[in-house]
N, C-alpha and C. Protein backbone atom coordinates (compact mmCIF):
# COMPACT_ATOMS: atom_id res chain seq x y z
N MET A 1 -9.56 7.52 18.63
CA MET A 1 -10.32 6.60 17.75
C MET A 1 -11.80 7.10 17.63
N TYR A 2 -12.33 7.32 16.44
CA TYR A 2 -13.62 7.86 16.17
C TYR A 2 -14.83 6.94 16.38
N PHE A 3 -14.68 5.65 16.14
CA PHE A 3 -15.84 4.74 16.40
C PHE A 3 -15.56 3.72 17.46
N ARG A 4 -15.60 4.19 18.72
CA ARG A 4 -15.22 3.32 19.88
C ARG A 4 -16.05 2.19 20.05
N THR A 5 -17.34 2.20 19.65
CA THR A 5 -18.21 1.15 19.87
C THR A 5 -18.42 0.19 18.63
N LEU A 6 -17.74 0.50 17.51
CA LEU A 6 -17.88 -0.23 16.27
C LEU A 6 -16.76 -1.12 16.13
N ASP A 7 -16.89 -2.44 15.80
CA ASP A 7 -16.02 -3.55 15.67
C ASP A 7 -15.87 -3.82 14.13
N ILE A 8 -14.84 -3.40 13.52
CA ILE A 8 -14.60 -3.67 12.02
C ILE A 8 -13.62 -4.84 11.94
N LYS A 9 -14.23 -6.08 11.61
CA LYS A 9 -13.32 -7.28 11.51
C LYS A 9 -12.22 -7.27 10.55
N GLY A 10 -12.56 -6.83 9.30
CA GLY A 10 -11.68 -6.97 8.18
C GLY A 10 -10.77 -5.82 7.96
N GLY A 11 -10.95 -4.65 8.46
CA GLY A 11 -10.27 -3.40 8.27
C GLY A 11 -10.93 -2.46 7.39
N ILE A 12 -10.22 -1.38 6.89
CA ILE A 12 -10.99 -0.43 6.19
C ILE A 12 -10.25 -0.18 4.79
N ALA A 13 -10.63 0.06 3.87
CA ALA A 13 -9.97 0.55 2.57
C ALA A 13 -10.40 1.93 2.26
N ILE A 14 -9.67 2.81 2.05
CA ILE A 14 -9.92 4.18 1.73
C ILE A 14 -9.42 4.41 0.18
N THR A 15 -10.39 5.05 -0.50
CA THR A 15 -9.98 5.28 -1.90
C THR A 15 -10.12 6.81 -2.19
N HIS A 16 -9.36 7.31 -3.07
CA HIS A 16 -9.50 8.83 -3.39
C HIS A 16 -9.50 8.80 -5.01
N TYR A 17 -10.26 9.59 -5.46
CA TYR A 17 -10.27 9.65 -6.93
C TYR A 17 -10.33 11.19 -7.35
N ASP A 18 -9.38 11.48 -8.31
CA ASP A 18 -9.33 12.96 -8.75
C ASP A 18 -8.98 12.75 -10.16
N LYS A 19 -9.74 13.19 -11.02
CA LYS A 19 -9.69 12.95 -12.58
C LYS A 19 -8.48 13.67 -13.02
N LYS A 20 -7.84 14.69 -12.25
CA LYS A 20 -6.78 15.33 -12.82
C LYS A 20 -5.40 14.94 -12.25
N THR A 21 -5.46 14.01 -11.22
CA THR A 21 -4.31 13.63 -10.60
C THR A 21 -4.07 12.01 -10.57
N GLU A 22 -2.93 11.58 -10.81
CA GLU A 22 -2.65 10.10 -10.69
C GLU A 22 -1.86 9.86 -9.41
N PHE A 23 -2.45 9.18 -8.67
CA PHE A 23 -1.99 8.84 -7.30
C PHE A 23 -1.22 7.53 -7.34
N LYS A 24 -0.21 7.39 -6.65
CA LYS A 24 0.57 6.03 -6.28
C LYS A 24 -0.03 5.21 -5.40
N SER A 25 0.28 4.01 -5.50
CA SER A 25 -0.29 2.97 -4.52
C SER A 25 0.39 3.13 -3.22
N ILE A 26 -0.21 2.93 -2.09
CA ILE A 26 0.45 2.95 -0.72
C ILE A 26 0.99 1.41 -0.31
N ASP A 27 0.64 0.52 -1.28
CA ASP A 27 1.03 -0.81 -1.08
C ASP A 27 0.31 -1.41 0.14
N THR A 28 0.97 -2.13 0.90
CA THR A 28 0.40 -2.91 2.02
C THR A 28 0.78 -2.01 3.28
N PHE A 29 -0.31 -1.87 4.19
CA PHE A 29 -0.06 -1.17 5.39
C PHE A 29 -0.37 -2.02 6.49
N THR A 30 0.26 -2.25 7.56
CA THR A 30 -0.20 -2.84 8.85
C THR A 30 0.75 -1.95 9.99
N GLN A 31 -0.01 -1.94 11.06
CA GLN A 31 0.48 -1.08 12.26
C GLN A 31 1.28 -2.14 13.19
N PHE A 32 1.43 -3.48 12.80
CA PHE A 32 2.01 -4.27 13.71
C PHE A 32 3.46 -4.56 13.22
N THR A 33 4.46 -4.34 14.05
CA THR A 33 5.84 -4.47 13.70
C THR A 33 6.21 -5.88 13.26
N GLU A 34 5.67 -6.90 13.97
CA GLU A 34 6.09 -8.26 13.51
C GLU A 34 5.53 -8.62 12.25
N LEU A 35 4.32 -8.14 11.84
CA LEU A 35 3.76 -8.46 10.54
C LEU A 35 4.56 -7.65 9.37
N ASN A 36 5.04 -6.48 9.64
CA ASN A 36 5.87 -5.72 8.76
C ASN A 36 7.25 -6.35 8.47
N GLU A 37 7.79 -6.93 9.57
CA GLU A 37 8.91 -7.73 9.44
C GLU A 37 8.83 -9.01 8.58
N ILE A 38 7.65 -9.55 8.75
CA ILE A 38 7.36 -10.91 8.00
C ILE A 38 7.21 -10.41 6.51
N LEU A 39 6.40 -9.39 6.29
CA LEU A 39 6.13 -8.87 4.93
C LEU A 39 7.36 -8.55 4.17
N GLN A 40 8.32 -7.92 4.88
CA GLN A 40 9.53 -7.52 4.21
C GLN A 40 10.42 -8.65 3.80
N LYS A 41 10.45 -9.71 4.56
CA LYS A 41 11.19 -11.00 4.29
C LYS A 41 10.44 -11.72 3.16
N VAL A 42 9.14 -11.75 3.20
CA VAL A 42 8.46 -12.39 1.94
C VAL A 42 8.74 -11.64 0.78
N ILE A 43 8.63 -10.25 0.72
CA ILE A 43 8.87 -9.53 -0.52
C ILE A 43 10.38 -9.59 -0.87
N GLY A 44 11.27 -9.63 -0.06
CA GLY A 44 12.59 -9.72 -0.38
C GLY A 44 13.03 -11.23 -0.94
N SER A 45 12.24 -12.18 -0.69
CA SER A 45 12.68 -13.57 -1.00
C SER A 45 12.02 -13.71 -2.47
N THR A 46 10.98 -12.95 -2.91
CA THR A 46 10.52 -13.10 -4.23
C THR A 46 11.15 -12.15 -5.33
N GLU A 47 12.13 -11.32 -4.84
CA GLU A 47 12.68 -10.34 -5.87
C GLU A 47 13.97 -11.01 -6.40
């Protein structure tokens, strides 16, 4: 971890811009297994 003394409450959003390249979305990311499972159930129920 690079910022051990810094507490970031809401998370971090990283953007990259290149005029010559079209990047695709990484969608939703979470490191927590339980949240990933809930997210997949919600996404699956709306399709």
